[in-house]
Each structure stands twice: as structure tokens, then as C-alpha cells.
Protein backbone atom coordinates (compact mmCIF):
# COMPACT_ATOMS: atom_id res chain seq x y z
CA MET A 1 104.13 82.77 144.72
CA THR A 2 101.50 80.16 143.91
CA ALA A 3 102.70 76.68 143.04
CA THR A 4 100.99 76.58 139.65
CA PRO A 5 100.19 80.01 138.19
CA PRO A 6 97.87 80.04 135.18
CA GLU A 7 99.46 79.40 131.80
CA PRO A 8 100.20 82.81 130.23
CA THR A 9 99.38 83.66 126.62
CA LEU A 10 99.98 87.42 126.58
CA LEU A 11 102.97 89.37 127.89
CA GLY A 12 101.05 90.98 130.73
CA ASP A 13 99.33 87.85 132.04
CA ARG A 14 101.89 86.98 134.69
CA LEU A 15 102.18 90.61 135.83
CA ASP A 16 98.40 90.64 136.34
CA HIS A 17 98.61 87.35 138.23
CA TRP A 18 101.28 88.45 140.70
CA ALA A 19 99.55 91.80 141.25
CA GLN A 20 96.35 89.95 142.16
CA THR A 21 97.87 87.19 144.28
CA HIS A 22 100.81 89.01 145.89
CA PRO A 23 99.92 92.70 145.66
CA THR A 24 102.18 93.89 148.50
CA THR A 25 105.24 91.79 147.64
CA GLU A 26 108.30 93.58 146.25
CA ALA A 27 108.35 93.50 142.44
CA MET A 28 110.67 96.14 140.98
CA THR A 29 113.55 98.31 142.20
CA TYR A 30 115.17 101.03 140.12
CA GLY A 31 117.51 103.53 141.68
CA ASP A 32 116.14 104.53 145.07
CA ARG A 33 112.56 103.51 144.28
CA THR A 34 110.85 100.17 144.88
CA TRP A 35 107.34 99.13 143.83
CA THR A 36 105.17 96.20 144.86
CA TRP A 37 103.48 94.06 142.22
CA SER A 38 100.25 96.02 142.64
CA GLU A 39 102.01 99.38 142.45
CA TRP A 40 104.06 98.46 139.40
CA ARG A 41 101.06 97.03 137.59
CA ASP A 42 99.25 100.31 138.26
CA ARG A 43 102.08 102.18 136.53
CA VAL A 44 101.81 99.85 133.53
CA ARG A 45 98.02 100.30 133.39
CA ARG A 46 98.45 104.07 133.52
CA GLY A 47 100.93 103.78 130.67
CA THR A 48 98.34 101.80 128.72
CA GLY A 49 95.81 104.56 129.33
CA GLY A 50 98.28 107.23 128.29
CA LEU A 51 99.07 105.46 125.01
CA LEU A 52 95.37 104.96 124.25
CA ASP A 53 94.71 108.64 124.97
CA SER A 54 97.55 109.46 122.56
CA GLY A 55 95.63 107.65 119.84
CA LEU A 56 97.71 104.48 119.67
CA ARG A 57 95.98 101.31 118.62
CA ARG A 58 96.71 97.69 117.84
CA GLY A 59 99.50 97.37 115.27
CA ASP A 60 101.11 100.73 116.14
CA ARG A 61 104.60 101.20 117.52
CA ILE A 62 106.33 103.40 120.04
CA ALA A 63 110.10 103.77 120.49
CA PHE A 64 112.29 104.16 123.57
CA LEU A 65 115.76 105.73 123.58
CA ASP A 66 117.56 105.75 126.90
CA LEU A 67 119.99 103.87 129.05
CA ASN A 68 118.28 101.25 131.19
CA ASN A 69 115.18 102.73 132.75
CA VAL A 70 112.22 101.05 134.41
CA ALA A 71 110.04 103.29 132.23
CA CYS A 72 111.20 101.36 129.17
CA LEU A 73 109.98 98.06 130.61
CA GLU A 74 106.74 99.75 131.68
CA MET A 75 106.17 100.98 128.14
CA THR A 76 106.86 97.54 126.70
CA PHE A 77 104.09 96.08 128.86
CA ALA A 78 101.80 99.08 128.32
CA ALA A 79 102.15 98.97 124.54
CA ALA A 80 101.70 95.20 124.52
CA ALA A 81 98.39 95.62 126.36
CA ILE A 82 96.90 97.44 123.36
CA GLY A 83 98.52 95.22 120.73
CA ALA A 84 101.27 97.74 119.96
CA ALA A 85 105.04 97.17 120.07
CA ASN A 86 107.94 98.98 121.70
CA ALA A 87 110.98 99.49 119.47
CA ILE A 88 113.82 99.70 122.00
CA LEU A 89 116.67 101.65 120.44
CA ASN A 90 120.38 101.27 120.98
CA TRP A 91 121.40 104.51 122.70
CA ARG A 92 124.96 104.09 121.39
CA LEU A 93 123.91 104.72 117.79
CA ALA A 94 125.13 107.80 115.95
CA PRO A 95 122.47 110.37 114.90
CA ASP A 96 122.27 109.15 111.28
CA GLU A 97 121.80 105.58 112.50
CA LEU A 98 119.05 106.70 114.87
CA ASP A 99 117.40 108.58 112.04
CA TYR A 100 117.15 105.32 110.11
CA VAL A 101 115.85 103.07 112.91
CA ILE A 102 113.30 105.55 114.28
CA ASN A 103 111.80 106.13 110.86
CA ASP A 104 111.96 102.44 110.01
CA SER A 105 110.12 101.61 113.24
CA GLY A 106 107.27 103.95 112.33
CA ALA A 107 107.06 104.99 115.98
CA ARG A 108 104.27 107.45 116.74
CA VAL A 109 105.46 108.28 120.26
CA LEU A 110 109.16 108.50 121.12
CA PHE A 111 110.33 108.31 124.73
CA VAL A 112 113.80 109.81 125.19
CA GLY A 113 116.06 109.95 128.21
CA ALA A 114 116.86 113.56 129.11
CA GLU A 115 120.61 113.10 128.68
CA LEU A 116 120.12 111.77 125.14
CA LEU A 117 118.03 114.66 123.89
CA PRO A 118 121.08 116.34 122.25
CA THR A 119 121.52 113.22 120.10
CA LEU A 120 118.14 113.93 118.53
CA ASP A 121 118.82 117.60 117.73
CA PRO A 122 120.44 116.99 114.29
CA ILE A 123 117.65 114.65 113.14
CA ARG A 124 114.51 115.88 114.88
CA ASP A 125 113.03 117.38 111.72
CA ARG A 126 113.56 114.09 109.85
CA LEU A 127 111.43 111.94 112.18
CA SER A 128 108.43 111.73 109.88
CA THR A 129 106.22 109.37 111.91
CA VAL A 130 106.86 110.72 115.42
CA GLU A 131 103.87 112.70 116.69
CA ARG A 132 105.10 113.25 120.23
CA ILE A 133 108.37 113.11 122.15
CA VAL A 134 108.21 112.39 125.89
CA VAL A 135 111.28 113.27 127.94
CA VAL A 136 112.19 110.69 130.58
CA GLY A 137 114.17 111.68 133.67
CA GLY A 138 116.22 114.75 134.47
CA GLU A 139 114.99 118.19 135.45
CA SER A 140 112.76 118.36 132.37
CA ASP A 141 111.09 114.99 133.01
CA GLU A 142 107.67 114.66 131.37
CA TYR A 143 107.17 110.94 131.82
CA GLU A 144 106.14 110.83 135.48
CA ARG A 145 103.61 113.64 135.02
CA TRP A 146 102.24 111.97 131.86
CA LEU A 147 101.93 108.67 133.74
CA GLY A 148 100.30 110.30 136.76
CA ASP A 149 97.78 112.18 134.63
CA SER A 150 96.69 109.04 132.73
CA GLU A 151 93.76 106.88 133.76
CA PRO A 152 94.64 103.21 134.37
CA ARG A 153 93.33 100.97 131.58
CA ASP A 154 93.23 97.20 131.21
CA ALA A 155 94.52 95.27 128.21
CA ARG A 156 92.41 95.56 125.08
CA PRO A 157 90.28 92.47 124.35
CA ASP A 158 91.41 92.32 120.72
CA VAL A 159 95.09 91.68 121.54
CA ARG A 160 96.31 88.33 120.19
CA PRO A 161 99.36 86.14 121.00
CA ASP A 162 100.77 86.69 117.51
CA ASP A 163 100.71 90.49 117.80
CA PRO A 164 104.25 91.92 117.94
CA CYS A 165 105.12 93.45 121.30
CA LEU A 166 108.82 94.21 120.74
CA VAL A 167 111.02 95.42 117.92
CA MET A 168 114.70 94.73 118.53
CA TYR A 169 117.12 96.13 115.97
CA SER A 170 119.88 93.84 114.77
CA SER A 171 122.55 94.45 112.15
CA GLY A 172 121.54 93.75 108.56
CA THR A 173 123.11 92.63 105.33
CA THR A 174 122.42 95.93 103.58
CA GLY A 175 124.46 97.85 106.12
CA HIS A 176 121.27 99.05 107.85
CA PRO A 177 119.87 97.46 111.01
CA LYS A 178 116.90 95.11 110.75
CA GLY A 179 113.94 95.36 113.09
CA VAL A 180 113.32 91.90 114.55
CA LEU A 181 109.65 91.47 115.39
CA LEU A 182 108.95 89.55 118.59
CA THR A 183 105.38 88.61 119.42
CA HIS A 184 103.64 87.90 122.72
CA ARG A 185 103.88 84.19 121.87
CA ASN A 186 107.64 84.49 121.21
CA VAL A 187 108.50 86.33 124.43
CA VAL A 188 106.16 84.34 126.68
CA SER A 189 107.43 81.05 125.26
CA HIS A 190 111.01 82.18 125.87
CA ALA A 191 110.21 83.07 129.49
CA GLN A 192 108.59 79.68 130.05
CA HIS A 193 111.43 77.64 128.58
CA ALA A 194 114.46 79.75 129.49
CA SER A 195 113.45 80.10 133.14
CA VAL A 196 113.62 76.37 133.85
CA ASP A 197 117.32 76.22 134.79
CA TRP A 198 117.44 79.45 136.79
CA ASP A 199 116.14 77.89 140.03
CA PHE A 200 114.55 80.97 141.56
CA ASP A 201 113.43 80.51 145.16
CA PRO A 202 111.12 82.70 147.28
CA GLY A 203 113.05 85.77 148.38
CA ASP A 204 115.48 85.71 145.44
CA LYS A 205 116.09 88.86 143.40
CA SER A 206 117.01 89.10 139.73
CA LEU A 207 119.57 91.68 138.62
CA VAL A 208 118.80 93.25 135.22
CA ALA A 209 121.95 95.10 134.20
CA MET A 210 122.36 94.37 130.49
CA PRO A 211 120.95 96.94 128.02
CA LEU A 212 117.21 96.67 127.47
CA PHE A 213 117.72 97.12 123.71
CA HIS A 214 119.13 93.56 123.82
CA VAL A 215 117.09 90.42 124.40
CA GLY A 216 119.64 89.76 127.16
CA GLY A 217 118.17 92.80 128.90
CA THR A 218 114.45 92.89 128.14
CA CYS A 219 113.70 89.20 127.62
CA TYR A 220 115.81 88.30 130.65
CA ALA A 221 113.80 90.86 132.66
CA VAL A 222 110.59 89.17 131.52
CA ILE A 223 111.86 85.87 132.97
CA GLY A 224 111.89 87.39 136.46
CA ILE A 225 108.40 88.78 135.99
CA HIS A 226 107.22 85.42 134.63
CA VAL A 227 108.34 83.51 137.73
CA GLY A 228 107.33 86.26 140.18
CA THR A 229 110.82 87.14 141.38
CA ALA A 230 111.68 90.69 142.44
CA THR A 231 113.79 92.61 139.93
CA ILE A 232 116.62 95.07 140.59
CA MET A 233 117.37 97.11 137.48
CA THR A 234 120.53 99.15 137.08
CA ARG A 235 120.92 102.00 134.63
CA GLU A 236 124.27 100.64 133.46
CA PRO A 237 126.40 97.58 134.27
CA ASP A 238 129.10 99.74 135.86
CA ALA A 239 130.93 98.65 139.00
CA ALA A 240 129.10 100.98 141.41
CA SER A 241 125.67 99.92 140.12
CA LEU A 242 126.48 96.23 140.20
CA PHE A 243 127.87 96.40 143.75
CA GLY A 244 124.82 98.42 144.79
CA ALA A 245 122.52 95.72 143.41
CA LEU A 246 124.41 93.05 145.33
CA GLN A 247 123.97 95.06 148.51
CA GLN A 248 120.25 95.25 147.76
CA GLY A 249 120.11 91.47 147.73
CA ALA A 250 120.53 90.40 144.10
CA THR A 251 120.92 86.62 143.91
CA HIS A 252 120.66 85.97 140.16
CA ALA A 253 122.22 87.87 137.26
CA PHE A 254 122.83 87.68 133.55
CA LEU A 255 126.06 89.33 132.38
CA VAL A 256 128.17 89.36 129.23
CA PRO A 257 131.69 87.89 129.44
CA ALA A 258 133.27 91.36 129.23
CA VAL A 259 131.62 92.28 132.53
CA VAL A 260 132.73 89.00 134.11
CA ALA A 261 136.28 89.75 132.93
CA GLY A 262 136.09 93.14 134.65
CA ILE A 263 134.96 91.51 137.90
CA VAL A 264 137.82 89.01 137.86
CA ALA A 265 140.33 91.73 137.01
CA ALA A 266 139.07 93.96 139.86
CA GLY A 267 140.61 91.68 142.47
CA GLU A 268 139.67 89.60 145.50
CA GLN A 269 137.19 92.02 147.03
CA ALA A 270 135.15 92.29 143.84
CA VAL A 271 135.22 88.56 143.24
CA ALA A 272 134.17 87.87 146.82
CA ALA A 273 131.18 90.19 146.44
CA PHE A 274 130.00 88.50 143.24
CA ALA A 275 130.71 85.05 144.65
CA ARG A 276 127.64 85.62 146.84
CA LEU A 277 125.47 85.27 143.73
CA LYS A 278 123.54 82.02 143.71
CA HIS A 279 123.28 81.93 139.92
CA LEU A 280 125.29 83.71 137.21
CA GLY A 281 124.17 83.41 133.61
CA TYR A 282 126.38 84.64 130.82
CA GLY A 283 126.21 84.84 127.05
CA ALA A 284 125.89 87.14 124.00
CA SER A 285 129.54 86.44 123.15
CA PRO A 286 131.94 83.57 123.82
CA MET A 287 133.56 83.40 127.25
CA PRO A 288 137.33 82.84 126.82
CA LEU A 289 138.03 79.49 128.48
CA PRO A 290 140.88 80.77 130.70
CA LEU A 291 138.54 83.45 132.05
CA LEU A 292 135.74 80.95 132.61
CA ARG A 293 138.01 78.53 134.46
CA THR A 294 139.30 81.34 136.67
CA ALA A 295 135.77 82.52 137.48
CA LEU A 296 134.64 79.00 138.31
CA LYS A 297 137.56 78.55 140.68
CA GLN A 298 137.13 81.92 142.38
CA MET A 299 133.34 81.58 142.74
CA PRO A 300 133.01 77.95 143.85
CA ASP A 301 129.46 78.16 145.21
CA THR A 302 127.93 80.10 142.31
CA ARG A 303 125.91 78.21 139.72
CA PHE A 304 127.20 79.24 136.28
CA GLN A 305 124.98 78.94 133.23
CA GLN A 306 126.04 79.71 129.68
CA VAL A 307 123.30 80.62 127.22
CA TYR A 308 123.46 80.73 123.44
CA GLY A 309 120.83 82.36 121.32
CA LEU A 310 119.89 85.14 118.98
CA THR A 311 117.54 88.10 118.90
CA GLU A 312 115.44 86.22 116.35
CA VAL A 313 114.63 83.46 118.87
CA SER A 314 113.86 85.93 121.68
CA GLY A 315 117.12 85.14 123.45
CA VAL A 316 118.12 81.69 124.69
CA ILE A 317 117.90 78.63 122.43
CA SER A 318 120.49 76.40 124.14
CA SER A 319 122.01 76.30 127.59
CA LEU A 320 125.06 74.82 129.30
CA ASP A 321 123.69 74.13 132.76
CA PRO A 322 125.50 74.61 136.09
CA GLU A 323 126.24 70.91 136.53
CA ASP A 324 128.04 70.81 133.17
CA HIS A 325 130.27 73.69 134.26
CA ARG A 326 131.74 71.63 137.08
CA ASP A 327 131.67 68.19 135.44
CA GLU A 328 135.25 66.95 135.76
CA ASP A 329 134.50 63.98 133.50
CA HIS A 330 133.61 66.23 130.56
CA PRO A 331 135.82 69.35 130.63
CA GLU A 332 135.41 69.69 126.85
CA ARG A 333 131.82 70.78 127.36
CA LEU A 334 132.98 74.14 128.70
CA GLY A 335 133.72 74.99 125.07
CA SER A 336 130.17 74.15 124.01
CA ALA A 337 126.94 76.10 124.00
CA GLY A 338 125.14 73.36 125.88
CA THR A 339 121.99 71.59 124.75
CA LEU A 340 118.70 72.80 123.30
CA ILE A 341 116.17 74.20 125.74
CA GLU A 342 112.70 72.75 125.94
CA GLY A 343 110.41 73.50 123.02
CA ALA A 344 113.19 73.98 120.46
CA GLU A 345 114.03 71.91 117.39
CA MET A 346 117.31 72.02 115.51
CA ARG A 347 118.84 70.99 112.20
CA VAL A 348 122.51 71.19 111.16
CA VAL A 349 122.47 72.04 107.47
CA ASP A 350 124.90 72.44 104.61
CA PRO A 351 124.21 76.11 103.75
CA ALA A 352 125.06 75.50 100.10
CA THR A 353 122.62 72.61 99.57
CA GLY A 354 120.04 73.00 102.33
CA GLU A 355 120.52 69.33 103.21
CA ASP A 356 121.24 68.04 106.71
CA VAL A 357 124.90 67.16 107.28
CA GLN A 358 126.06 63.85 108.70
CA PRO A 359 125.96 63.61 112.52
CA GLY A 360 128.94 65.32 114.12
CA MET A 361 129.84 67.25 110.98
CA PRO A 362 129.78 71.07 110.84
CA GLY A 363 126.91 72.93 109.25
CA GLU A 364 124.63 75.90 109.73
CA PHE A 365 122.34 75.79 112.76
CA TRP A 366 118.65 76.01 111.88
CA PHE A 367 116.08 76.37 114.66
CA ARG A 368 112.33 76.01 114.92
CA SER A 369 110.50 77.14 118.04
CA ALA A 370 107.53 79.13 119.30
CA GLN A 371 110.20 81.64 120.35
CA ALA A 372 111.25 82.35 116.75
CA THR A 373 110.43 85.70 115.14
CA PRO A 374 107.78 85.90 112.43
CA GLY A 375 110.19 88.13 110.51
CA TYR A 376 111.77 91.52 110.06
CA LEU A 377 109.86 94.80 110.07
CA ASN A 378 109.44 96.24 106.55
CA LYS A 379 111.81 93.64 105.08
CA PRO A 380 109.91 90.78 103.40
CA GLU A 381 112.93 89.72 101.35
CA ALA A 382 115.16 89.45 104.43
CA THR A 383 112.38 87.53 106.18
CA ALA A 384 112.10 85.06 103.30
CA GLU A 385 115.87 84.62 103.28
CA ALA A 386 116.04 83.91 107.02
CA ILE A 387 112.90 81.78 107.55
CA THR A 388 111.96 78.77 105.47
CA SER A 389 108.41 78.07 104.34
CA ASP A 390 108.09 75.38 107.01
CA GLY A 391 109.26 77.64 109.82
CA TRP A 392 113.00 76.98 110.20
CA PHE A 393 115.10 79.99 111.14
CA ARG A 394 118.53 80.03 109.53
CA SER A 395 120.84 81.27 112.28
CA GLY A 396 123.92 82.01 110.18
CA ASP A 397 126.02 80.26 112.83
CA VAL A 398 128.09 77.26 111.85
CA GLY A 399 128.99 74.45 114.20
CA ARG A 400 128.48 70.83 115.10
CA VAL A 401 126.52 68.76 117.58
CA ASP A 402 128.25 65.93 119.42
CA ALA A 403 126.79 62.52 120.17
CA ASP A 404 125.30 63.76 123.46
CA GLY A 405 123.53 66.73 121.87
CA TYR A 406 125.96 69.48 122.88
CA LEU A 407 126.26 72.39 120.43
CA PHE A 408 129.70 73.67 119.48
CA VAL A 409 129.58 77.04 117.69
CA GLU A 410 132.65 77.29 115.48
CA ASP A 411 132.10 79.87 112.77
CA ARG A 412 129.52 82.11 111.10
CA VAL A 413 128.04 82.06 107.65
CA LYS A 414 127.44 85.76 107.95
CA ASP A 415 130.24 88.25 108.48
CA MET A 416 128.96 89.11 111.92
CA ILE A 417 131.30 90.20 114.69
CA ILE A 418 130.18 89.97 118.32
CA THR A 419 132.15 92.33 120.53
CA GLY A 420 131.19 92.66 124.18
CA GLY A 421 127.73 91.29 123.38
CA GLU A 422 127.15 93.83 120.58
CA ASN A 423 126.54 92.65 117.02
CA VAL A 424 128.62 94.38 114.34
CA TYR A 425 127.93 93.60 110.72
CA SER A 426 131.10 94.12 108.71
CA PRO A 427 129.53 95.63 105.52
CA GLU A 428 128.15 98.45 107.65
CA VAL A 429 131.67 99.35 108.82
CA GLU A 430 133.20 98.76 105.38
CA ARG A 431 130.72 101.18 103.84
CA VAL A 432 132.07 103.93 106.11
CA LEU A 433 135.73 103.00 105.68
CA VAL A 434 135.70 103.27 101.88
CA GLU A 435 134.39 106.82 102.21
CA HIS A 436 137.82 107.77 103.57
CA PRO A 437 139.84 109.41 100.78
CA SER A 438 142.99 107.35 101.43
CA ILE A 439 141.27 103.93 101.35
CA ALA A 440 140.71 101.95 98.16
CA GLU A 441 139.22 98.78 99.65
CA ALA A 442 138.32 97.57 103.11
CA ALA A 443 137.55 94.25 104.75
CA VAL A 444 136.37 94.11 108.36
CA ILE A 445 136.85 90.99 110.46
CA GLY A 446 136.58 89.93 114.08
CA VAL A 447 139.75 89.00 115.92
CA PRO A 448 140.10 87.46 119.40
CA ASP A 449 139.92 89.76 122.37
CA GLU A 450 140.32 88.42 125.91
CA ARG A 451 137.93 90.99 127.34
CA TRP A 452 135.35 91.53 124.58
CA GLY A 453 135.36 88.08 122.95
CA GLU A 454 136.07 89.69 119.58
CA SER A 455 137.25 93.11 118.52
CA VAL A 456 136.83 94.83 115.17
CA LEU A 457 139.84 94.84 112.84
CA ALA A 458 139.88 96.75 109.55
CA VAL A 459 142.16 95.49 106.78
CA VAL A 460 142.50 98.14 104.08
CA THR A 461 144.38 98.91 100.89
CA ALA A 462 145.47 102.41 99.94
CA GLU A 463 144.44 104.64 97.08
CA PRO A 464 147.37 105.36 94.72
CA GLY A 465 149.78 107.78 96.33
CA GLU A 466 148.05 107.63 99.73
CA SER A 467 149.36 106.35 103.08
CA PRO A 468 146.40 105.61 105.38
CA ASP A 469 147.00 106.56 109.02
CA PRO A 470 145.36 103.92 111.26
CA ASP A 471 144.66 106.30 114.13
CA GLU A 472 143.13 108.88 111.84
CA ILE A 473 140.97 106.23 110.15
CA ILE A 474 139.67 104.99 113.51
CA GLU A 475 138.76 108.56 114.47
CA PHE A 476 137.07 108.99 111.08
CA THR A 477 134.77 106.03 111.78
CA ARG A 478 133.95 107.28 115.27
CA THR A 479 132.25 110.35 113.83
CA ARG A 480 129.99 108.15 111.70
CA LEU A 481 129.32 104.98 113.66
CA ALA A 482 128.51 103.90 117.18
CA ARG A 483 131.79 103.52 119.01
CA TYR A 484 131.50 99.75 119.51
CA LYS A 485 131.30 99.28 115.73
CA CYS A 486 134.52 101.16 115.06
CA PRO A 487 137.79 99.32 114.40
CA ARG A 488 140.13 98.99 117.34
CA ALA A 489 142.98 98.48 114.90
CA VAL A 490 143.69 99.01 111.19
CA GLU A 491 146.06 96.97 109.06
CA VAL A 492 147.23 98.36 105.71
CA HIS A 493 147.90 95.64 103.10
CA ASP A 494 149.16 95.87 99.55
CA GLU A 495 146.22 93.75 98.41
CA LEU A 496 143.37 91.68 99.83
CA PRO A 497 143.19 87.90 99.27
CA ARG A 498 140.49 86.81 96.82
CA ASN A 499 139.02 83.64 95.40
CA PRO A 500 138.86 83.01 91.62
CA THR A 501 135.58 84.93 91.34
CA GLY A 502 137.10 87.99 93.04
CA LYS A 503 135.40 87.63 96.44
CA ILE A 504 137.56 88.76 99.36
CA LEU A 505 138.63 85.77 101.47
CA LYS A 506 137.89 86.90 105.00
CA ARG A 507 138.65 83.44 106.32
CA THR A 508 142.22 83.90 105.07
CA LEU A 509 142.44 87.28 106.80
CA ARG A 510 141.12 85.80 110.04
CA ALA A 511 143.27 82.68 110.04
CA PRO A 512 146.51 84.07 111.56
CA HIS A 513 144.60 85.82 114.33
CA TRP A 514 142.66 82.70 115.37
CA GLU A 515 145.44 80.15 114.89
CA GLY A 516 145.75 77.71 117.77
CA ARG A 517 142.42 78.66 119.35
CA GLU A 518 139.54 76.33 120.07
CA ARG A 519 137.05 78.64 118.34
CA THR A 520 137.20 80.63 115.12
CA VAL A 521 134.59 83.14 116.34
């Protein structure tokens, strides 16, 4: 690695740099295959050629539906090189949900993992924009042949930093997901600023285990490419894959707290294996403090880093650094989300008035950064609601900032639930629940879960003469929603609490579940 690589402006700039300066150095490992920087760049250039030959141009979109696969990252870089964007789809979605996001993305080419092909069968004739489906992996693999038959092509000269290169779907207020547009400028800026505290050294290897349809998967992967560190990508964050990556030399990883909880629960041997990590980042949902303290004690030489952020800011916007994790003089900071990363501005605002609150008082976090999305695909009204005319992104998270600049996230303006790193928007679940013939009304809230951070709880009232069966209701939702969105429990109440205007008081429903805890989310 050179001491001062050129400043990147486009997503592929650093990949080109490492391929030119360190062509034979290890770059990417997936499964039993490893590629050097030169070899992996050649695959990306062939992907660029294949997309151009398929008629894709600047402003178009492709979509990728699979568990983690190096091909997905290749297609993100290949599409970016022609000014197109990759819409990375959540493979956990139910067919009707996939129908919506694929059509909303406007994808012209759809890459699908072989094992997920059956998911497309019920909706294939509804995919109005898809001109070609390319099967990835399995006995019917088409991707490798397509890549091998394509001529390598360089990035198009008309690509600009403000061209979108990613579409990441996040839950939306209408009950349908929103496509968050992330540009070259957004993702490159995130890699520059978020990589500062990771302390990669020559010979280190970055483990990419979180789903690529999350910024914690794809944008974290870009950090490794940005700094020129070798990447080990696993298909899933299961125990066998994670241990395999450690044996292959992984030194740095980003994991969600649920995975950390699984490691701690697995016993001494598992903890000892992960204690060899030099750096462990975690985020996407709160880490229960008892779990965090246990992990810190059992992994004394590992540098822990908590990150807080959102899809709309390309990932990380604040960070609790490793030194803060072991600062005995300030144990209260373990409950914070750290301080802003470089290049980010912040306001704490009264969401009702739009005015800044007094220092130390709670309010909605607003951020401004080169990392922040220009908006939502096909949703100008949602964009206008989320982004002010002078570029402030309204996060929907409520909290306070202490005198030393540490962020404490305490609540959410939106009814968002984060369970195991997955965003669940309650109206989406409520819409399904009220379709059940025994349910009159439904309110969905997040309740504390030691493993997942939060779990989904449905509070319902019954139709006259009906007696809702919680188990049957949960099964009902599982046929209509991705499993992580479905309630883990159902409470049947005589009535739901309301304010004088008739709005359901979800804070009242949440209160007994969060009583005595340091956080209310």
C-alpha cells in the first residue's frame, strides 16, 4: 500500500489504484476462491462490459437478490463504472414485497442466486422492467459464463460523483420500503471518514459477514477496498463461516450485537477464537450493556468500536472509539453512540418547531454531510419530508448530546423497530395484522430483547365475538411478511390507549416493557 493514494472521487478509483500499484497482492476471498487486486479488477471490468453489452447506460439500474456473494459487490462496482446503480435486495422479503421493490427499482437486469429462484416464481410475470435474469451460483449458474464471455471495459468518461451507485431499500411510512439513493460521493466520503478509526495495518484482513443489502455489509466492504486491505466475505454470518474466516486470517470485523451475543453464549472456545480479532466494530442496533461489558472482559486485547448511523448517511455518522470502551473514568459513555465522525455536522432539534433545543436537552438528530443521500427513489414527497432545503437530513432518532459531544440515542420520532440490525416499520406490520378476521385494531411496538436489541410485539383488540389466538396470528403474518418483521409475541387488550385526538399512544404501550432501562429503544 502506498502512503498517500490519490484522493478518490468515484467508487472504482481506489480499486483501480490498488490493481495498478499492487496487482499481485491478495484482494478478495469468497468461499474457496481468492483473487488478487488485478484479478478482481478484471472481473469488475468484465462486468462493466457485460452490462454495456446488455444495453445499460448512465442512470439505469440493476438489482441483485442473493445471500452474500462476491458477484454482488462486483456488480455494484461494474454498474457504478457506467453511471448505473445496483439495487441490492433483501433476500428475506416475501414474494409480494419483492414484487414491489424490484418494480420500484426499475431494474433492467436482475441477478438472482440459484437457491432464491423459487421465490421469484409467483411474481416473475409481474416484473415489468426486467429484461434479463442472470442466475448466480448453483448447477444452473449463468453468471460466471456471462462474465467470462464479456470484454473488459473501463469506466465511462461521463460518470459523475453525484450519480447514484447504490439503492438500499429501507422501511417507509406508507408501509412500502423506500429506495435510498447513495451516490459515488456519498459512499466514497463514508469510506474516507469511517475508515479513520479502524487502524488497518499491512497484512490485515477485513471480514465482511453482514448482509450486503445493508450499508453495514456493502459500505463496510467498500472501507476495506478504500484502504487496500484484503477482504474475506462470508455467505452468511453463521458460526461455521465466521470461524472459517478467522482461520483464514481475518483481523477486523463488523458484526451486529445479535451475532456478538451468539459468540459470548457459545462458550470459552468461541470467545477465545474471536478474541484474536484486533478490531471488532458493532452497530445497527443497541448492544445491551451487560453483553457489552461481558464481551469487553472476555476479549481484553480486542479494540471495540461502536458505530451509529443510518442507510441515508451511507452507514456510520458517529463512533464510540476503542479507547472510550475501556475508559474507567467515563463508564457512562458505553451507553452512548460516541462522537461525530469527521466531515459530519449535527443539530438537535425540537421536531415540533424545527428549532434547536437547549444544550443537553433531548431532540431529533439532524445531520448534514457529504455522506447523506440526495433522496429516495421515485418518492419526491418523502425526500422533501426527510431533507431540508439547506441539506439537513432528519434522522427520526431522538436523543441528547452531552457537554463533551457524546450522542445518546434515547427514542425515535418514527415508529421504527430495529431487531437484530433489521429495520421494521410498524405500519407495515399493522397493515397485515388488521387483515386477520379476528383483529379489530393493532399497534406494533419494539420491546427489549437481550439477543436482538428489540423484538416485535403486536398489541391487538378483538373483533366482536372473536378470540384472537396469538400463535395463529403470528403464523398468519409469516405467510405475508419477511420473518424478521413478524411479531414474536401478541398481546390481546380490551382497548388501546389513545390521546384526546384518538391517536394510539405507543409510548404508553412501550412504557412497562422498557421500565428501569437506560434506553427506551
